């Protein structure tokens, strides 16, 4: 006979565990996103989340054993502590690595830039379009966000390009601050715009400093127009498959916008029309994110942003994460009936969380809130599994649990068998003596 069960304390503690797991996960993303490979990062993210939620659920059931019964707490709760780490942390770590590998395999067909060259317009017209030098501030902000594996070079240009910093690996905070200080020392805008010469100078520098198997990209920011022999200037960019991402600042020149658009299109880059200078930093961030690998807990960018296939793939993989999380609780509780109930409930929780992530992250201004809501919903719905899905009676048939048998378990059956054996042996001895 099946019956619905519910442990209110387990629900409360599971939600608390989801909140704690979310906070730890956000710290991981803040510290390691971009610096750690996304497959390992997602393994750690889901592994620690499962461990925290599993720990809270186990504690709640030990305190108030509504699902397993008091005999479980007396006899088998200690086994739950032994199974906790392998069933949650290790299982979900492996699942996170595998699922992210599948997700990344589909999305990461093209190499991501490891070298960035920034070309910043410092012609006379920038005095009016960018009087506060927010383009310089945006460049400083971007440099602080780039991970340690990236190299960056900075140029300003008017009629002549001027190298502010050569291609340098951002190996530590000191290097970043040194480059930022160089940017702060740039003088007032002066002269006319020559975009073609700036692009040619940047390509010559990249070819000189090129490291095999490293892809480069250029970010060009300007408010003006200049005559450019695109066939000649952009030929090496197409040959080297180097993208030029362009940012147009508050430009009223239609020809300038068309030029920046065509440069981006012909090199496979992106064009960003910034109506207000305050949006330069956001444009830089979008360019950088487009060049990064996506993972299960962040937004897909560029052409994959609206790809239905990858959206469905994310939902299905999070569904599997939820299923495995539920199964891990059944293993911790050492009860196959609970494992079935939690696995089904976990699948429902994972489906809801996956839909929330897919619909919420795309274009979201606050991805942290989306992830938090999804994590909490996952923990909440999972804790209600035994209320949503009736649990089999552990005393029916051959018994319940992964160790077989209900309240007594396999150990109890063995003890009963030994007792019957001793009784039979004793009877045979007495018969012999008689």
Protein backbone atom coordinates (compact mmCIF):
# COMPACT_ATOMS: atom_id res chain seq x y z
CA UNK A 1 0.00 0.00 0.00
CA UNK A 2 1.29 3.43 -0.94
CA UNK A 3 0.93 6.52 1.18
CA UNK A 4 1.85 10.18 0.95
CA UNK A 5 4.30 11.46 3.53
CA UNK A 6 5.66 14.85 4.38
CA UNK A 7 8.36 16.09 6.70
CA UNK A 8 7.79 19.79 7.26
CA UNK A 9 11.16 20.21 8.96
CA UNK A 10 12.85 18.60 5.97
CA UNK A 11 11.14 21.08 3.63
CA UNK A 12 12.28 24.06 5.69
CA UNK A 13 15.84 22.79 5.97
CA UNK A 14 15.98 21.81 2.31
CA UNK A 15 15.07 25.38 1.31
CA UNK A 16 17.71 26.71 3.73
CA UNK A 17 20.20 24.32 2.14
CA UNK A 18 19.19 25.58 -1.31
CA UNK A 19 19.83 29.17 -0.24
CA UNK A 20 23.23 28.28 1.24
CA UNK A 21 24.14 26.25 -1.85
CA UNK A 22 23.13 29.17 -4.06
CA UNK A 23 25.30 31.61 -2.08
CA UNK A 24 28.33 29.30 -2.23
CA UNK A 25 27.71 28.76 -5.93
CA UNK A 26 27.64 32.51 -6.59
CA UNK A 27 30.93 32.92 -4.75
CA UNK A 28 32.39 30.21 -6.97
CA UNK A 29 31.12 31.91 -10.13
CA UNK A 30 32.43 35.29 -9.00
CA UNK A 31 35.88 33.91 -8.19
CA UNK A 32 36.41 31.25 -10.85
CA UNK A 33 34.20 32.02 -13.86
CA UNK A 34 36.58 32.57 -16.75
CA UNK A 35 39.62 31.48 -14.73
CA UNK A 36 38.49 27.84 -14.30
CA UNK A 37 37.32 25.58 -17.10
CA UNK A 38 33.53 25.55 -17.17
CA UNK A 39 33.22 21.75 -16.96
CA UNK A 40 35.08 21.68 -13.64
CA UNK A 41 33.24 24.80 -12.45
CA UNK A 42 29.81 23.26 -13.09
CA UNK A 43 30.89 20.01 -11.44
CA UNK A 44 31.84 21.91 -8.30
CA UNK A 45 28.70 24.06 -8.48
CA UNK A 46 26.25 21.15 -8.59
CA UNK A 47 28.36 18.95 -6.30
CA UNK A 48 28.44 21.45 -3.44
CA UNK A 49 24.75 22.29 -3.95
CA UNK A 50 23.78 18.62 -3.65
CA UNK A 51 26.00 18.18 -0.59
CA UNK A 52 24.48 21.15 1.26
CA UNK A 53 20.87 20.21 0.41
CA UNK A 54 21.52 16.54 1.23
CA UNK A 55 23.16 17.45 4.54
CA UNK A 56 20.20 19.63 5.55
CA UNK A 57 17.68 16.95 4.58
CA UNK A 58 19.58 14.26 6.48
CA UNK A 59 19.80 16.43 9.59
CA UNK A 60 16.06 17.17 9.40
CA UNK A 61 15.16 13.49 9.07
CA UNK A 62 17.47 12.49 11.92
CA UNK A 63 15.80 15.08 14.15
CA UNK A 64 12.27 14.23 12.98
CA UNK A 65 12.20 10.88 11.11
CA UNK A 66 8.81 11.31 9.46
CA UNK A 67 9.75 9.55 6.22
CA UNK A 68 11.86 6.61 7.43
CA UNK A 69 10.51 5.99 10.93
CA UNK A 70 12.21 5.96 14.31
CA UNK A 71 13.74 2.52 13.79
CA UNK A 72 15.73 3.95 10.86
CA UNK A 73 17.15 6.66 13.09
CA UNK A 74 18.18 4.10 15.70
CA UNK A 75 19.66 1.50 13.33
CA UNK A 76 20.67 3.01 10.00
CA UNK A 77 21.02 6.78 10.30
CA UNK A 78 24.75 6.38 10.82
CA UNK A 79 24.98 4.77 7.36
CA UNK A 80 23.44 7.91 5.91
CA UNK A 81 26.41 9.94 7.14
CA UNK A 82 28.78 7.50 5.43
CA UNK A 83 26.86 7.70 2.16
CA UNK A 84 26.34 11.47 2.20
CA UNK A 85 29.50 12.64 0.43
CA UNK A 86 29.68 9.96 -2.30
CA UNK A 87 25.93 10.08 -2.97
CA UNK A 88 25.72 13.87 -3.22
CA UNK A 89 29.02 15.66 -3.75
CA UNK A 90 30.76 13.03 -5.87
CA UNK A 91 27.69 11.91 -7.85
CA UNK A 92 26.55 15.42 -8.75
CA UNK A 93 30.12 16.59 -9.37
CA UNK A 94 30.49 13.84 -11.98
CA UNK A 95 27.07 14.66 -13.42
CA UNK A 96 27.86 18.38 -13.57
CA UNK A 97 31.13 17.73 -15.41
CA UNK A 98 29.48 15.35 -17.88
CA UNK A 99 26.43 17.51 -18.56
CA UNK A 100 28.49 20.68 -18.98
CA UNK A 101 30.79 18.82 -21.36
CA UNK A 102 27.74 17.89 -23.45
CA UNK A 103 26.39 21.44 -23.28
CA UNK A 104 29.75 23.03 -24.06
CA UNK A 105 30.45 20.54 -26.85
CA UNK A 106 27.42 21.81 -28.69
CA UNK A 107 28.15 25.48 -28.15
CA UNK A 108 31.92 25.69 -28.26
CA UNK A 109 32.62 24.79 -31.88
CA UNK A 110 34.49 28.01 -32.54
CA UNK A 111 37.56 29.04 -30.63
CA UNK A 112 37.21 31.87 -28.16
CA UNK A 113 39.52 34.89 -28.21
CA UNK A 114 42.47 34.78 -25.86
CA UNK A 115 44.02 38.07 -27.02
CA UNK A 116 42.21 41.42 -27.17
CA UNK A 117 43.42 44.62 -28.81
CA UNK A 118 41.49 47.78 -27.88
CA UNK A 119 41.47 50.67 -30.37
CA UNK A 120 40.10 53.85 -28.76
CA UNK A 121 39.31 56.91 -30.85
CA UNK A 122 41.02 60.03 -29.43
CA UNK A 123 40.25 62.43 -32.27
CA UNK A 124 39.00 65.99 -31.72
CA UNK A 125 35.33 65.08 -32.01
CA UNK A 126 35.57 62.84 -28.91
CA UNK A 127 35.74 66.00 -26.79
CA UNK A 128 32.03 66.50 -27.35
CA UNK A 129 30.82 62.92 -27.71
CA UNK A 130 32.79 61.55 -24.74
CA UNK A 131 33.78 64.53 -22.55
CA UNK A 132 34.13 62.39 -19.40
CA UNK A 133 36.30 59.81 -21.19
CA UNK A 134 33.90 57.01 -20.39
CA UNK A 135 35.45 54.97 -23.19
CA UNK A 136 38.66 54.95 -21.13
CA UNK A 137 36.73 53.96 -18.00
CA UNK A 138 35.00 51.15 -19.92
CA UNK A 139 38.39 49.86 -21.11
CA UNK A 140 39.67 49.88 -17.51
CA UNK A 141 36.58 48.00 -16.35
CA UNK A 142 37.00 45.39 -19.08
CA UNK A 143 40.66 44.82 -18.25
CA UNK A 144 39.77 44.14 -14.62
CA UNK A 145 37.22 41.53 -15.74
CA UNK A 146 39.46 39.61 -18.14
CA UNK A 147 40.77 36.37 -16.69
CA UNK A 148 44.43 35.59 -16.07
CA UNK A 149 44.83 33.63 -19.32
CA UNK A 150 43.99 36.62 -21.55
CA UNK A 151 46.42 39.06 -23.17
CA UNK A 152 45.47 42.63 -23.94
CA UNK A 153 46.95 45.54 -25.90
CA UNK A 154 45.74 49.15 -25.89
CA UNK A 155 45.95 51.72 -28.71
CA UNK A 156 44.52 55.19 -29.08
CA UNK A 157 44.26 56.74 -32.52
CA UNK A 158 43.54 59.91 -34.45
CA UNK A 159 45.51 60.42 -37.69
CA UNK A 160 48.17 58.19 -36.14
CA UNK A 161 47.73 55.16 -33.85
CA UNK A 162 49.58 55.32 -30.56
CA UNK A 163 50.42 52.22 -28.56
CA UNK A 164 49.55 52.64 -24.89
CA UNK A 165 50.40 49.06 -23.91
CA UNK A 166 51.63 46.06 -25.96
CA UNK A 167 50.03 42.61 -25.83
CA UNK A 168 50.55 41.55 -22.23
CA UNK A 169 49.18 38.65 -20.23
CA UNK A 170 47.02 39.72 -17.31
CA UNK A 171 48.79 37.44 -14.87
CA UNK A 172 47.97 39.39 -11.72
CA UNK A 173 46.12 42.39 -10.31
CA UNK A 174 49.29 44.46 -10.47
CA UNK A 175 49.47 44.14 -14.26
CA UNK A 176 45.82 45.15 -14.58
CA UNK A 177 46.33 48.22 -12.42
CA UNK A 178 49.46 49.17 -14.33
CA UNK A 179 47.53 49.12 -17.62
CA UNK A 180 44.65 51.02 -16.01
CA UNK A 181 47.09 53.67 -14.82
CA UNK A 182 48.47 54.04 -18.36
CA UNK A 183 44.92 54.58 -19.62
CA UNK A 184 44.31 57.25 -16.99
CA UNK A 185 47.32 59.16 -18.29
CA UNK A 186 45.96 59.52 -21.83
CA UNK A 187 45.83 63.16 -22.92
CA UNK A 188 42.99 65.22 -24.39
CA UNK A 189 41.48 64.22 -27.76
CA UNK A 190 43.03 65.96 -30.74
CA UNK A 191 43.27 65.61 -34.52
CA UNK A 192 41.22 63.68 -37.09
CA UNK A 193 40.10 60.06 -37.34
CA UNK A 194 41.89 57.39 -39.37
CA UNK A 195 40.29 54.02 -38.64
CA UNK A 196 42.09 52.18 -41.45
CA UNK A 197 45.55 53.04 -40.17
CA UNK A 198 44.57 52.02 -36.62
CA UNK A 199 43.36 48.60 -37.82
CA UNK A 200 46.52 48.08 -39.88
CA UNK A 201 48.75 48.94 -36.92
CA UNK A 202 46.80 46.58 -34.66
CA UNK A 203 47.11 43.68 -37.12
CA UNK A 204 50.87 44.23 -37.52
CA UNK A 205 51.28 44.11 -33.76
CA UNK A 206 49.15 40.95 -33.43
CA UNK A 207 51.12 39.20 -36.16
CA UNK A 208 54.37 40.14 -34.47
CA UNK A 209 53.23 38.93 -31.03
CA UNK A 210 51.05 36.05 -32.20
CA UNK A 211 51.17 32.78 -30.25
CA UNK A 212 50.13 29.66 -32.22
CA UNK A 213 46.59 28.39 -31.56
CA UNK A 214 45.53 31.59 -29.80
CA UNK A 215 42.66 33.51 -31.32
CA UNK A 216 42.65 37.31 -31.20
CA UNK A 217 39.89 39.90 -31.42
CA UNK A 218 39.85 43.68 -31.81
CA UNK A 219 37.46 46.07 -30.08
CA UNK A 220 37.29 49.38 -31.93
CA UNK A 221 35.44 52.35 -30.46
CA UNK A 222 34.85 55.53 -32.46
CA UNK A 223 32.39 58.35 -33.08
CA UNK A 224 33.55 59.34 -36.54
CA UNK A 225 34.16 58.34 -40.13
CA UNK A 226 37.24 58.01 -42.30
CA UNK A 227 37.95 56.69 -45.75
CA UNK A 228 39.05 53.05 -45.44
CA UNK A 229 40.24 50.69 -48.16
CA UNK A 230 38.36 47.79 -46.60
CA UNK A 231 39.51 45.21 -49.15
CA UNK A 232 43.13 45.91 -48.25
CA UNK A 233 42.81 46.70 -44.55
CA UNK A 234 40.46 43.82 -43.65
CA UNK A 235 42.11 41.13 -45.81
CA UNK A 236 44.55 39.98 -43.07
CA UNK A 237 41.70 39.98 -40.55
CA UNK A 238 39.67 37.62 -42.72
CA UNK A 239 42.76 35.50 -43.40
CA UNK A 240 43.58 35.18 -39.68
CA UNK A 241 39.88 34.89 -38.75
CA UNK A 242 40.29 37.81 -36.36
CA UNK A 243 37.01 39.47 -35.47
CA UNK A 244 36.66 43.23 -35.18
CA UNK A 245 33.91 44.27 -32.78
CA UNK A 246 32.94 47.90 -33.29
CA UNK A 247 31.28 50.37 -30.92
CA UNK A 248 29.78 53.57 -32.32
CA UNK A 249 29.46 56.42 -29.81
CA UNK A 250 26.64 58.95 -30.12
CA UNK A 251 27.48 59.41 -33.78
CA UNK A 252 25.23 61.50 -36.00
CA UNK A 253 27.24 60.57 -39.07
CA UNK A 254 25.35 57.91 -41.00
CA UNK A 255 28.46 57.08 -42.98
CA UNK A 256 30.37 56.43 -39.74
CA UNK A 257 27.74 54.00 -38.48
CA UNK A 258 27.67 52.19 -41.84
CA UNK A 259 31.47 51.92 -41.83
CA UNK A 260 31.61 50.41 -38.33
CA UNK A 261 28.79 48.00 -39.19
CA UNK A 262 30.49 46.82 -42.37
CA UNK A 263 33.85 46.32 -40.61
CA UNK A 264 32.15 44.14 -37.99
CA UNK A 265 30.16 42.15 -40.53
CA UNK A 266 33.08 41.51 -42.87
CA UNK A 267 35.29 40.20 -40.04
CA UNK A 268 32.60 38.20 -38.25
CA UNK A 269 32.43 40.63 -35.33
CA UNK A 270 29.53 42.54 -33.78
CA UNK A 271 28.45 46.17 -34.02
CA UNK A 272 27.14 48.08 -30.99
CA UNK A 273 25.43 51.43 -31.52
CA UNK A 274 25.81 53.27 -28.21
CA UNK A 275 23.38 56.16 -28.13
CA UNK A 276 24.68 57.41 -24.79
CA UNK A 277 28.26 57.16 -23.58
CA UNK A 278 27.03 55.56 -20.35
CA UNK A 279 26.36 52.41 -22.39
CA UNK A 280 29.97 51.86 -23.47
CA UNK A 281 30.80 49.62 -20.51
CA UNK A 282 27.73 47.45 -21.23
CA UNK A 283 28.79 47.14 -24.88
CA UNK A 284 32.29 46.05 -23.85
CA UNK A 285 30.83 43.51 -21.45
CA UNK A 286 28.60 42.05 -24.17
CA UNK A 287 31.55 41.72 -26.53
CA UNK A 288 33.60 39.94 -23.89
CA UNK A 289 30.74 37.61 -22.89
CA UNK A 290 30.16 36.70 -26.53
CA UNK A 291 33.73 35.47 -26.61
CA UNK A 292 33.42 33.28 -23.54
CA UNK A 293 32.25 29.73 -23.14
CA UNK A 294 28.71 29.40 -21.88
CA UNK A 295 27.80 27.11 -19.04
CA UNK A 296 24.55 25.73 -17.65
CA UNK A 297 24.09 28.55 -15.14
CA UNK A 298 24.73 31.61 -17.31
CA UNK A 299 23.31 33.32 -20.38
CA UNK A 300 23.98 32.11 -23.90
CA UNK A 301 25.20 34.91 -26.09
CA UNK A 302 25.55 35.75 -29.76
CA UNK A 303 23.80 33.53 -32.34
CA UNK A 304 23.02 30.80 -29.80
CA UNK A 305 21.01 33.16 -27.59
CA UNK A 306 17.71 32.32 -29.30
CA UNK A 307 18.62 28.79 -30.37
CA UNK A 308 15.72 26.54 -29.39
CA UNK A 309 17.82 23.38 -29.54
CA UNK A 310 20.30 24.61 -26.96
CA UNK A 311 17.49 25.97 -24.82
CA UNK A 312 15.84 22.54 -24.76
CA UNK A 313 19.20 20.92 -24.06
CA UNK A 314 19.72 23.12 -20.97
CA UNK A 315 16.23 22.29 -19.65
CA UNK A 316 16.77 18.54 -20.14
CA UNK A 317 20.19 18.56 -18.47
CA UNK A 318 18.89 20.47 -15.44
CA UNK A 319 16.01 17.97 -15.31
CA UNK A 320 18.60 15.16 -15.10
CA UNK A 321 20.43 17.10 -12.38
CA UNK A 322 17.21 17.26 -10.37
CA UNK A 323 16.56 13.55 -10.91
CA UNK A 324 20.02 12.60 -9.70
CA UNK A 325 19.70 14.94 -6.74
CA UNK A 326 16.50 13.15 -5.73
CA UNK A 327 18.10 9.76 -6.26
CA UNK A 328 21.03 10.80 -4.07
CA UNK A 329 18.63 11.51 -1.19
CA UNK A 330 17.17 8.02 -1.57
CA UNK A 331 20.68 6.58 -1.36
CA UNK A 332 21.47 8.65 1.73
CA UNK A 333 18.26 7.43 3.39
CA UNK A 334 19.04 3.89 2.15
CA UNK A 335 15.45 3.38 1.02
CA UNK A 336 14.51 2.39 -2.52
CA UNK A 337 10.91 3.57 -2.17
CA UNK A 338 12.06 7.02 -1.10
CA UNK A 339 14.67 6.95 -3.86
CA UNK A 340 11.93 6.41 -6.45
CA UNK A 341 9.73 9.13 -4.98
CA UNK A 342 12.58 11.65 -4.68
CA UNK A 343 13.84 10.84 -8.18
CA UNK A 344 10.42 11.57 -9.70
CA UNK A 345 10.00 14.69 -7.58
CA UNK A 346 13.56 15.75 -8.44
CA UNK A 347 12.78 15.39 -12.15
CA UNK A 348 9.77 17.70 -11.74
CA UNK A 349 11.90 20.14 -9.71
CA UNK A 350 14.68 20.01 -12.31
CA UNK A 351 12.20 20.63 -15.13
CA UNK A 352 10.82 23.71 -13.39
CA UNK A 353 14.30 24.99 -12.51
CA UNK A 354 15.53 24.38 -16.06
CA UNK A 355 12.64 26.34 -17.54
CA UNK A 356 13.23 29.18 -15.07
CA UNK A 357 16.92 29.33 -16.00
CA UNK A 358 16.33 29.17 -19.74
CA UNK A 359 13.59 31.80 -19.82
CA UNK A 360 15.09 34.00 -17.11
CA UNK A 361 18.78 34.13 -17.97
CA UNK A 362 18.42 35.11 -21.62
CA UNK A 363 18.70 38.89 -21.68
CA UNK A 364 18.40 39.19 -17.91
CA UNK A 365 19.84 42.22 -16.17
CA UNK A 366 20.04 40.25 -12.90
CA UNK A 367 21.18 36.65 -13.62
CA UNK A 368 22.07 36.23 -9.93
CA UNK A 369 18.38 36.53 -8.97
CA UNK A 370 17.35 34.06 -11.68
CA UNK A 371 19.85 31.46 -10.45
CA UNK A 372 18.79 32.05 -6.85
CA UNK A 373 15.11 31.55 -7.65
CA UNK A 374 15.86 28.39 -9.66
CA UNK A 375 18.04 26.89 -6.91
CA UNK A 376 15.46 27.58 -4.20
CA UNK A 377 12.61 26.16 -6.32
CA UNK A 378 14.70 23.06 -7.00
CA UNK A 379 15.29 22.48 -3.28
CA UNK A 380 11.66 23.25 -2.36
CA UNK A 381 9.94 21.02 -4.92
CA UNK A 382 12.44 18.23 -4.20
CA UNK A 383 11.53 18.30 -0.51
CA UNK A 384 7.84 17.87 -1.40
CA UNK A 385 8.49 14.74 -3.48
CA UNK A 386 6.99 12.31 -0.96
CA UNK A 387 3.89 14.48 -0.75
CA UNK A 388 3.52 14.65 -4.51
CA UNK A 389 4.47 11.02 -5.21
CA UNK A 390 3.09 8.35 -2.84
CA UNK A 391 5.71 6.19 -1.17
CA UNK A 392 5.44 2.40 -1.13
CA UNK A 393 4.81 0.64 2.16
CA UNK A 394 8.18 -0.61 3.42
CA UNK A 395 6.51 -3.46 5.31
CA UNK A 396 4.77 -4.89 2.24
CA UNK A 397 6.18 -7.71 0.13
CA UNK A 398 9.87 -8.32 0.47
CA UNK A 399 10.40 -5.03 2.28
CA UNK A 400 11.75 -1.64 1.51
CA UNK A 401 15.03 0.08 1.43
CA UNK A 402 18.14 -0.40 -0.56
CA UNK A 403 19.13 -3.00 2.05
CA UNK A 404 15.72 -4.84 1.74
CA UNK A 405 13.35 -5.25 4.63
CA UNK A 406 11.33 -2.55 6.34
CA UNK A 407 11.98 -1.39 9.85
CA UNK A 408 14.19 -4.39 10.58
CA UNK A 409 16.25 -4.22 7.40
CA UNK A 410 18.58 -6.91 6.10
CA UNK A 411 20.40 -7.04 9.40
CA UNK A 412 17.15 -7.91 11.18
CA UNK A 413 16.43 -10.73 8.72
CA UNK A 414 19.87 -12.19 9.25
CA UNK A 415 19.39 -12.05 13.01
CA UNK A 416 16.05 -13.85 12.69
CA UNK A 417 17.63 -16.50 10.46
CA UNK A 418 20.42 -17.07 12.95
CA UNK A 419 17.89 -17.37 15.77
CA UNK A 420 15.88 -19.97 13.84
CA UNK A 421 19.09 -21.82 13.04
CA UNK A 422 20.10 -21.93 16.67
CA UNK A 423 16.65 -23.17 17.64
CA UNK A 424 16.77 -25.95 15.10
CA UNK A 425 20.29 -26.95 16.08
CA UNK A 426 19.32 -26.95 19.73
CA UNK A 427 16.32 -29.15 18.98
CA UNK A 428 18.50 -31.62 17.08
CA UNK A 429 21.01 -31.83 19.94
CA UNK A 430 18.26 -32.42 22.45
CA UNK A 431 16.78 -35.13 20.24
CA UNK A 432 20.18 -36.80 19.95
CA UNK A 433 20.67 -36.91 23.66
CA UNK A 434 17.17 -38.27 24.12
